[in-house]
C-alpha atoms as a PDB file:
ATOM      1  CA  UNK A   1      24.074  29.482 -18.508  1.00  0.00           C
ATOM      2  CA  UNK A   2      20.558  28.190 -19.092  1.00  0.00           C
ATOM      3  CA  UNK A   3      19.239  29.661 -15.822  1.00  0.00           C
ATOM      4  CA  UNK A   4      21.012  32.939 -16.494  1.00  0.00           C
ATOM      5  CA  UNK A   5      19.422  33.146 -19.942  1.00  0.00           C
ATOM      6  CA  UNK A   6      15.997  32.501 -18.455  1.00  0.00           C
ATOM      7  CA  UNK A   7      16.465  35.231 -15.882  1.00  0.00           C
ATOM      8  CA  UNK A   8      16.998  37.782 -18.631  1.00  0.00           C
ATOM      9  CA  UNK A   9      14.060  36.504 -20.686  1.00  0.00           C
ATOM     10  CA  UNK A  10      10.881  38.375 -19.778  1.00  0.00           C
ATOM     11  CA  UNK A  11       8.616  35.545 -20.879  1.00  0.00           C
ATOM     12  CA  UNK A  12      10.268  33.124 -18.443  1.00  0.00           C
ATOM     13  CA  UNK A  13       9.902  35.625 -15.592  1.00  0.00           C
ATOM     14  CA  UNK A  14       6.154  35.895 -16.238  1.00  0.00           C
ATOM     15  CA  UNK A  15       5.938  32.142 -16.568  1.00  0.00           C
ATOM     16  CA  UNK A  16       7.402  31.748 -13.073  1.00  0.00           C
ATOM     17  CA  UNK A  17       5.393  34.624 -11.590  1.00  0.00           C
ATOM     18  CA  UNK A  18       2.208  32.872 -12.660  1.00  0.00           C
ATOM     19  CA  UNK A  19       3.333  29.557 -11.128  1.00  0.00           C
ATOM     20  CA  UNK A  20       4.305  27.961 -14.432  1.00  0.00           C
ATOM     21  CA  UNK A  21       1.207  28.908 -16.378  1.00  0.00           C
ATOM     22  CA  UNK A  22       1.525  27.747 -19.984  1.00  0.00           C
ATOM     23  CA  UNK A  23       3.184  30.140 -22.440  1.00  0.00           C
ATOM     24  CA  UNK A  24       0.120  30.001 -24.676  1.00  0.00           C
ATOM     25  CA  UNK A  25      -2.085  31.181 -21.806  1.00  0.00           C
ATOM     26  CA  UNK A  26       0.417  33.945 -20.988  1.00  0.00           C
ATOM     27  CA  UNK A  27       0.348  34.972 -24.643  1.00  0.00           C
ATOM     28  CA  UNK A  28      -3.445  35.315 -24.531  1.00  0.00           C
ATOM     29  CA  UNK A  29      -3.321  37.321 -21.289  1.00  0.00           C
ATOM     30  CA  UNK A  30      -0.859  39.783 -22.787  1.00  0.00           C
ATOM     31  CA  UNK A  31      -2.548  39.947 -26.176  1.00  0.00           C
ATOM     32  CA  UNK A  32      -5.973  40.750 -24.688  1.00  0.00           C
ATOM     33  CA  UNK A  33      -4.553  43.213 -22.165  1.00  0.00           C
ATOM     34  CA  UNK A  34      -5.956  41.272 -19.237  1.00  0.00           C
ATOM     35  CA  UNK A  35      -2.916  41.887 -17.011  1.00  0.00           C
ATOM     36  CA  UNK A  36      -1.563  45.400 -16.515  1.00  0.00           C
ATOM     37  CA  UNK A  37       2.085  45.639 -17.485  1.00  0.00           C
ATOM     38  CA  UNK A  38       2.304  42.201 -19.079  1.00  0.00           C
ATOM     39  CA  UNK A  39       3.889  42.196 -22.551  1.00  0.00           C
ATOM     40  CA  UNK A  40       2.692  39.978 -25.368  1.00  0.00           C
ATOM     41  CA  UNK A  41       4.594  36.693 -25.078  1.00  0.00           C
ATOM     42  CA  UNK A  42       5.714  35.978 -28.621  1.00  0.00           C
ATOM     43  CA  UNK A  43       7.291  32.521 -28.403  1.00  0.00           C
ATOM     44  CA  UNK A  44       4.316  30.651 -26.960  1.00  0.00           C
ATOM     45  CA  UNK A  45       5.717  27.315 -28.200  1.00  0.00           C
ATOM     46  CA  UNK A  46       8.395  27.206 -25.492  1.00  0.00           C
ATOM     47  CA  UNK A  47       8.513  24.132 -23.273  1.00  0.00           C
ATOM     48  CA  UNK A  48       9.438  24.247 -19.582  1.00  0.00           C
ATOM     49  CA  UNK A  49      11.240  21.078 -18.447  1.00  0.00           C
ATOM     50  CA  UNK A  50      10.063  21.647 -14.867  1.00  0.00           C
ATOM     51  CA  UNK A  51       6.455  21.684 -16.071  1.00  0.00           C
ATOM     52  CA  UNK A  52       6.972  18.542 -18.126  1.00  0.00           C
ATOM     53  CA  UNK A  53       8.495  16.696 -15.176  1.00  0.00           C
ATOM     54  CA  UNK A  54       6.002  17.743 -12.514  1.00  0.00           C
ATOM     55  CA  UNK A  55       2.890  17.349 -14.656  1.00  0.00           C
ATOM     56  CA  UNK A  56       3.614  13.833 -15.827  1.00  0.00           C
ATOM     57  CA  UNK A  57       0.824  11.360 -15.171  1.00  0.00           C
ATOM     58  CA  UNK A  58       1.013   7.657 -14.604  1.00  0.00           C
ATOM     59  CA  UNK A  59      -1.531   5.067 -15.535  1.00  0.00           C
ATOM     60  CA  UNK A  60      -4.030   4.270 -12.777  1.00  0.00           C
ATOM     61  CA  UNK A  61      -3.553   1.110 -10.781  1.00  0.00           C
ATOM     62  CA  UNK A  62      -5.856  -1.704 -11.964  1.00  0.00           C
ATOM     63  CA  UNK A  63      -9.146  -2.007 -10.080  1.00  0.00           C
ATOM     64  CA  UNK A  64      -8.748  -5.766  -9.944  1.00  0.00           C
ATOM     65  CA  UNK A  65      -5.698  -7.965  -9.716  1.00  0.00           C
ATOM     66  CA  UNK A  66      -4.678  -9.884 -12.817  1.00  0.00           C
ATOM     67  CA  UNK A  67      -4.426 -12.981 -10.629  1.00  0.00           C
ATOM     68  CA  UNK A  68      -6.887 -14.059  -7.960  1.00  0.00           C
ATOM     69  CA  UNK A  69      -6.460 -17.257  -5.972  1.00  0.00           C
ATOM     70  CA  UNK A  70      -9.182 -19.834  -6.560  1.00  0.00           C
ATOM     71  CA  UNK A  71      -8.840 -21.896  -3.385  1.00  0.00           C
ATOM     72  CA  UNK A  72      -8.090 -21.217   0.293  1.00  0.00           C
ATOM     73  CA  UNK A  73      -4.387 -20.829   1.179  1.00  0.00           C
ATOM     74  CA  UNK A  74      -3.290 -20.712  -2.462  1.00  0.00           C
ATOM     75  CA  UNK A  75      -2.191 -17.145  -1.713  1.00  0.00           C
ATOM     76  CA  UNK A  76      -2.117 -15.326   1.618  1.00  0.00           C
ATOM     77  CA  UNK A  77      -1.191 -11.674   2.120  1.00  0.00           C
ATOM     78  CA  UNK A  78       0.508 -10.591   5.330  1.00  0.00           C
ATOM     79  CA  UNK A  79       1.553  -7.368   6.990  1.00  0.00           C
ATOM     80  CA  UNK A  80       2.716  -6.134  10.374  1.00  0.00           C
ATOM     81  CA  UNK A  81       1.135  -2.927  11.677  1.00  0.00           C
ATOM     82  CA  UNK A  82       2.253  -0.755  14.569  1.00  0.00           C
ATOM     83  CA  UNK A  83       3.303   0.521  16.945  1.00  0.00           C
ATOM     84  CA  UNK A  84      -0.301   1.197  17.946  1.00  0.00           C
ATOM     85  CA  UNK A  85      -1.094   3.884  20.515  1.00  0.00           C
ATOM     86  CA  UNK A  86      -2.349   3.283  23.106  1.00  0.00           C
ATOM     87  CA  UNK A  87      -1.065  -0.207  23.783  1.00  0.00           C
ATOM     88  CA  UNK A  88      -3.388  -2.981  24.981  1.00  0.00           C
ATOM     89  CA  UNK A  89      -3.648  -3.600  28.733  1.00  0.00           C
ATOM     90  CA  UNK A  90      -1.096  -6.364  28.188  1.00  0.00           C
ATOM     91  CA  UNK A  91       1.365  -3.964  26.577  1.00  0.00           C
ATOM     92  CA  UNK A  92       0.986  -5.149  22.990  1.00  0.00           C
ATOM     93  CA  UNK A  93       1.594  -2.450  20.381  1.00  0.00           C
ATOM     94  CA  UNK A  94       1.720  -4.464  17.136  1.00  0.00           C
ATOM     95  CA  UNK A  95      -0.601  -6.756  15.262  1.00  0.00           C
ATOM     96  CA  UNK A  96       0.009  -9.191  12.441  1.00  0.00           C
ATOM     97  CA  UNK A  97      -2.721  -9.214   9.809  1.00  0.00           C
ATOM     98  CA  UNK A  98      -2.984 -12.045   7.294  1.00  0.00           C
ATOM     99  CA  UNK A  99      -5.641 -12.264   4.568  1.00  0.00           C
ATOM    100  CA  UNK A 100      -6.554 -15.235   2.405  1.00  0.00           C
ATOM    101  CA  UNK A 101      -6.761 -14.052  -1.203  1.00  0.00           C
ATOM    102  CA  UNK A 102      -9.523 -16.440  -2.251  1.00  0.00           C
ATOM    103  CA  UNK A 103     -11.962 -16.144   0.663  1.00  0.00           C
ATOM    104  CA  UNK A 104     -10.889 -12.760   2.118  1.00  0.00           C
ATOM    105  CA  UNK A 105     -10.740 -14.439   5.532  1.00  0.00           C
ATOM    106  CA  UNK A 106      -8.517 -12.583   7.983  1.00  0.00           C
ATOM    107  CA  UNK A 107      -6.337 -13.577  10.896  1.00  0.00           C
ATOM    108  CA  UNK A 108      -5.073 -10.973  13.364  1.00  0.00           C
ATOM    109  CA  UNK A 109      -2.515 -11.619  16.076  1.00  0.00           C
ATOM    110  CA  UNK A 110      -1.521  -9.164  18.794  1.00  0.00           C
ATOM    111  CA  UNK A 111       2.231  -8.882  19.325  1.00  0.00           C
ATOM    112  CA  UNK A 112       4.364  -7.168  21.975  1.00  0.00           C
ATOM    113  CA  UNK A 113       7.279  -6.543  19.589  1.00  0.00           C
ATOM    114  CA  UNK A 114       8.065  -6.804  15.888  1.00  0.00           C
ATOM    115  CA  UNK A 115      10.433  -9.726  16.359  1.00  0.00           C
ATOM    116  CA  UNK A 116       7.503 -11.864  17.545  1.00  0.00           C
ATOM    117  CA  UNK A 117       6.044 -11.786  14.015  1.00  0.00           C
ATOM    118  CA  UNK A 118       7.951 -14.837  12.780  1.00  0.00           C
ATOM    119  CA  UNK A 119       6.478 -17.160  15.428  1.00  0.00           C
ATOM    120  CA  UNK A 120       3.014 -15.653  14.884  1.00  0.00           C
ATOM    121  CA  UNK A 121       3.184 -16.374  11.143  1.00  0.00           C
ATOM    122  CA  UNK A 122       4.066 -19.985  11.880  1.00  0.00           C
ATOM    123  CA  UNK A 123       1.132 -20.313  14.306  1.00  0.00           C
ATOM    124  CA  UNK A 124      -1.355 -18.843  11.854  1.00  0.00           C
ATOM    125  CA  UNK A 125      -0.069 -21.129   9.110  1.00  0.00           C
ATOM    126  CA  UNK A 126      -0.432 -24.211  11.307  1.00  0.00           C
ATOM    127  CA  UNK A 127      -3.955 -23.279  12.462  1.00  0.00           C
ATOM    128  CA  UNK A 128      -5.157 -22.358   8.963  1.00  0.00           C
ATOM    129  CA  UNK A 129      -3.845 -25.581   7.460  1.00  0.00           C
ATOM    130  CA  UNK A 130      -5.474 -27.643  10.198  1.00  0.00           C
ATOM    131  CA  UNK A 131      -8.839 -25.864   9.773  1.00  0.00           C
ATOM    132  CA  UNK A 132      -8.938 -26.064   5.979  1.00  0.00           C
ATOM    133  CA  UNK A 133      -7.125 -29.329   5.368  1.00  0.00           C
ATOM    134  CA  UNK A 134      -5.032 -27.517   2.767  1.00  0.00           C
ATOM    135  CA  UNK A 135      -1.412 -26.350   2.707  1.00  0.00           C
ATOM    136  CA  UNK A 136      -0.241 -22.782   2.337  1.00  0.00           C
ATOM    137  CA  UNK A 137       1.259 -22.322  -1.112  1.00  0.00           C
ATOM    138  CA  UNK A 138       2.282 -18.660  -1.365  1.00  0.00           C
ATOM    139  CA  UNK A 139       2.777 -15.931   1.254  1.00  0.00           C
ATOM    140  CA  UNK A 140       3.046 -12.354  -0.003  1.00  0.00           C
ATOM    141  CA  UNK A 141       4.439  -9.630   2.272  1.00  0.00           C
ATOM    142  CA  UNK A 142       6.601  -6.550   2.058  1.00  0.00           C
ATOM    143  CA  UNK A 143      10.377  -6.667   2.506  1.00  0.00           C
ATOM    144  CA  UNK A 144      10.276  -5.874   6.212  1.00  0.00           C
ATOM    145  CA  UNK A 145      12.943  -7.537   8.306  1.00  0.00           C
ATOM    146  CA  UNK A 146      10.307  -9.374  10.332  1.00  0.00           C
ATOM    147  CA  UNK A 147       9.373 -11.292   7.155  1.00  0.00           C
ATOM    148  CA  UNK A 148      12.837 -11.748   5.651  1.00  0.00           C
ATOM    149  CA  UNK A 149      14.714 -12.930   8.742  1.00  0.00           C
ATOM    150  CA  UNK A 150      16.844 -15.984   7.972  1.00  0.00           C
ATOM    151  CA  UNK A 151      15.035 -18.285  10.379  1.00  0.00           C
ATOM    152  CA  UNK A 152      11.670 -17.630   8.714  1.00  0.00           C
ATOM    153  CA  UNK A 153      13.133 -17.959   5.220  1.00  0.00           C
ATOM    154  CA  UNK A 154      14.589 -21.356   6.110  1.00  0.00           C
ATOM    155  CA  UNK A 155      11.287 -22.443   7.639  1.00  0.00           C
ATOM    156  CA  UNK A 156       9.288 -21.617   4.504  1.00  0.00           C
ATOM    157  CA  UNK A 157      11.880 -23.227   2.267  1.00  0.00           C
ATOM    158  CA  UNK A 158      11.609 -26.424   4.293  1.00  0.00           C
ATOM    159  CA  UNK A 159       7.791 -26.277   4.210  1.00  0.00           C
ATOM    160  CA  UNK A 160       7.709 -25.682   0.446  1.00  0.00           C
ATOM    161  CA  UNK A 161       5.983 -22.293   0.768  1.00  0.00           C
ATOM    162  CA  UNK A 162       6.775 -19.794  -1.974  1.00  0.00           C
ATOM    163  CA  UNK A 163       7.442 -16.174  -1.000  1.00  0.00           C
ATOM    164  CA  UNK A 164       6.274 -13.129  -2.947  1.00  0.00           C
ATOM    165  CA  UNK A 165       7.427  -9.636  -1.999  1.00  0.00           C
ATOM    166  CA  UNK A 166       5.722  -6.380  -2.925  1.00  0.00           C
ATOM    167  CA  UNK A 167       7.902  -3.679  -4.506  1.00  0.00           C
ATOM    168  CA  UNK A 168       9.060  -1.015  -2.017  1.00  0.00           C
ATOM    169  CA  UNK A 169       7.870   2.608  -2.145  1.00  0.00           C
ATOM    170  CA  UNK A 170       4.781   1.876  -4.218  1.00  0.00           C
ATOM    171  CA  UNK A 171       1.091   2.385  -3.631  1.00  0.00           C
ATOM    172  CA  UNK A 172       0.862  -1.323  -3.023  1.00  0.00           C
ATOM    173  CA  UNK A 173       3.115  -1.107   0.013  1.00  0.00           C
ATOM    174  CA  UNK A 174       1.464   0.630   2.984  1.00  0.00           C
ATOM    175  CA  UNK A 175       0.326  -0.957   6.407  1.00  0.00           C
ATOM    176  CA  UNK A 176      -1.690  -3.579   5.123  1.00  0.00           C
ATOM    177  CA  UNK A 177      -2.683  -4.464   0.139  1.00  0.00           C
ATOM    178  CA  UNK A 178      -4.906  -7.490   0.822  1.00  0.00           C
ATOM    179  CA  UNK A 179      -3.189  -7.157   4.132  1.00  0.00           C
ATOM    180  CA  UNK A 180      -2.846  -3.417   2.330  1.00  0.00           C
ATOM    181  CA  UNK A 181      -4.915  -2.963  -1.099  1.00  0.00           C
ATOM    182  CA  UNK A 182      -7.343  -5.629   0.045  1.00  0.00           C
ATOM    183  CA  UNK A 183      -5.430  -8.176  -1.946  1.00  0.00           C
ATOM    184  CA  UNK A 184      -6.692  -6.940  -5.273  1.00  0.00           C
ATOM    185  CA  UNK A 185      -3.476  -5.211  -6.089  1.00  0.00           C
ATOM    186  CA  UNK A 186      -0.527  -6.381  -4.096  1.00  0.00           C
ATOM    187  CA  UNK A 187      -1.483  -5.640  -0.488  1.00  0.00           C
ATOM    188  CA  UNK A 188      -4.550  -5.033   2.728  1.00  0.00           C
ATOM    189  CA  UNK A 189      -6.264  -1.622   3.144  1.00  0.00           C
ATOM    190  CA  UNK A 190      -4.756   0.310   6.014  1.00  0.00           C
ATOM    191  CA  UNK A 191      -8.130   1.673   7.162  1.00  0.00           C
ATOM    192  CA  UNK A 192      -9.611  -1.822   7.073  1.00  0.00           C
ATOM    193  CA  UNK A 193      -6.630  -3.167   8.986  1.00  0.00           C
ATOM    194  CA  UNK A 194      -7.063  -0.440  11.603  1.00  0.00           C
ATOM    195  CA  UNK A 195     -10.750  -1.321  12.011  1.00  0.00           C
ATOM    196  CA  UNK A 196      -9.923  -4.950  12.734  1.00  0.00           C
ATOM    197  CA  UNK A 197      -7.149  -3.888  15.084  1.00  0.00           C
ATOM    198  CA  UNK A 198      -9.587  -1.662  16.956  1.00  0.00           C
ATOM    199  CA  UNK A 199     -12.061  -4.523  17.300  1.00  0.00           C
ATOM    200  CA  UNK A 200      -9.398  -6.748  18.800  1.00  0.00           C
ATOM    201  CA  UNK A 201      -7.758  -4.122  21.000  1.00  0.00           C
ATOM    202  CA  UNK A 202     -11.084  -2.892  22.306  1.00  0.00           C
ATOM    203  CA  UNK A 203     -12.677  -6.271  22.855  1.00  0.00           C
ATOM    204  CA  UNK A 204     -10.495  -7.712  25.606  1.00  0.00           C
ATOM    205  CA  UNK A 205      -8.923 -10.984  24.491  1.00  0.00           C
ATOM    206  CA  UNK A 206      -5.366  -9.851  25.141  1.00  0.00           C
ATOM    207  CA  UNK A 207      -3.807 -13.287  25.060  1.00  0.00           C
ATOM    208  CA  UNK A 208      -1.963 -12.550  21.843  1.00  0.00           C
ATOM    209  CA  UNK A 209      -3.426 -15.590  20.140  1.00  0.00           C
ATOM    210  CA  UNK A 210      -4.559 -15.672  16.554  1.00  0.00           C
ATOM    211  CA  UNK A 211      -8.035 -14.279  15.960  1.00  0.00           C
ATOM    212  CA  UNK A 212      -9.908 -15.197  12.808  1.00  0.00           C
ATOM    213  CA  UNK A 213     -11.873 -12.238  11.486  1.00  0.00           C
ATOM    214  CA  UNK A 214     -14.186 -12.492   8.462  1.00  0.00           C
ATOM    215  CA  UNK A 215     -14.296  -9.535   6.147  1.00  0.00           C
ATOM    216  CA  UNK A 216     -16.844  -6.844   7.060  1.00  0.00           C
ATOM    217  CA  UNK A 217     -18.536  -7.368   3.701  1.00  0.00           C
ATOM    218  CA  UNK A 218     -20.053 -10.734   4.602  1.00  0.00           C
ATOM    219  CA  UNK A 219     -21.943 -10.992   1.341  1.00  0.00           C
ATOM    220  CA  UNK A 220     -18.702 -10.824  -0.627  1.00  0.00           C
ATOM    221  CA  UNK A 221     -17.061 -13.297   1.724  1.00  0.00           C
ATOM    222  CA  UNK A 222     -19.788 -15.860   0.996  1.00  0.00           C
ATOM    223  CA  UNK A 223     -19.494 -15.535  -2.756  1.00  0.00           C
ATOM    224  CA  UNK A 224     -17.356 -17.852  -4.767  1.00  0.00           C
ATOM    225  CA  UNK A 225     -14.164 -16.101  -5.962  1.00  0.00           C
ATOM    226  CA  UNK A 226     -14.571 -14.592  -9.453  1.00  0.00           C
END
């Protein structure tokens, strides 16, 4: 009934013809004779629910995370990217990217398949802990199956590592935050992740081992975390 009533209402027809231009603007067009054949829209206070819904705005995402780790391995972001085309000479199409929230230090590991991610995470954890003399406290990833598989969940529970998961279908969840929003929101930048992937894929070294990559902004990497 509502749609039928709109169809018979001339003001609604002009509103739709002008791609949902406001009724006040339509009123001014008709009143000043700026459009041939357009009547004067009298009820300019009408509200279009479609306009209200599609023109809603949301608050911008914060430029800086409310929490920032103060020491290495207090919080590490991780993400799996791929499949990458073309594959490496060794046939690897995926890479695991992990980013330390405090230092912005990055580890990248080439993988042949997604199911190899669990073992790669364990290797990176072991190497990072040995290098820093600290233990990993929190790992933040998306809800991908490669990070939620039962074996990996049991491993982290036994190691005392807390798991944080980014919310699905948000701006914070795209290949990479600090392993998709650079860690300042929830996840690392995809372009930044692709750059590091290109450096690894194009530089030989196709043994699939973990590669430690400092952030491109070396000056920031040397600074103490704010």
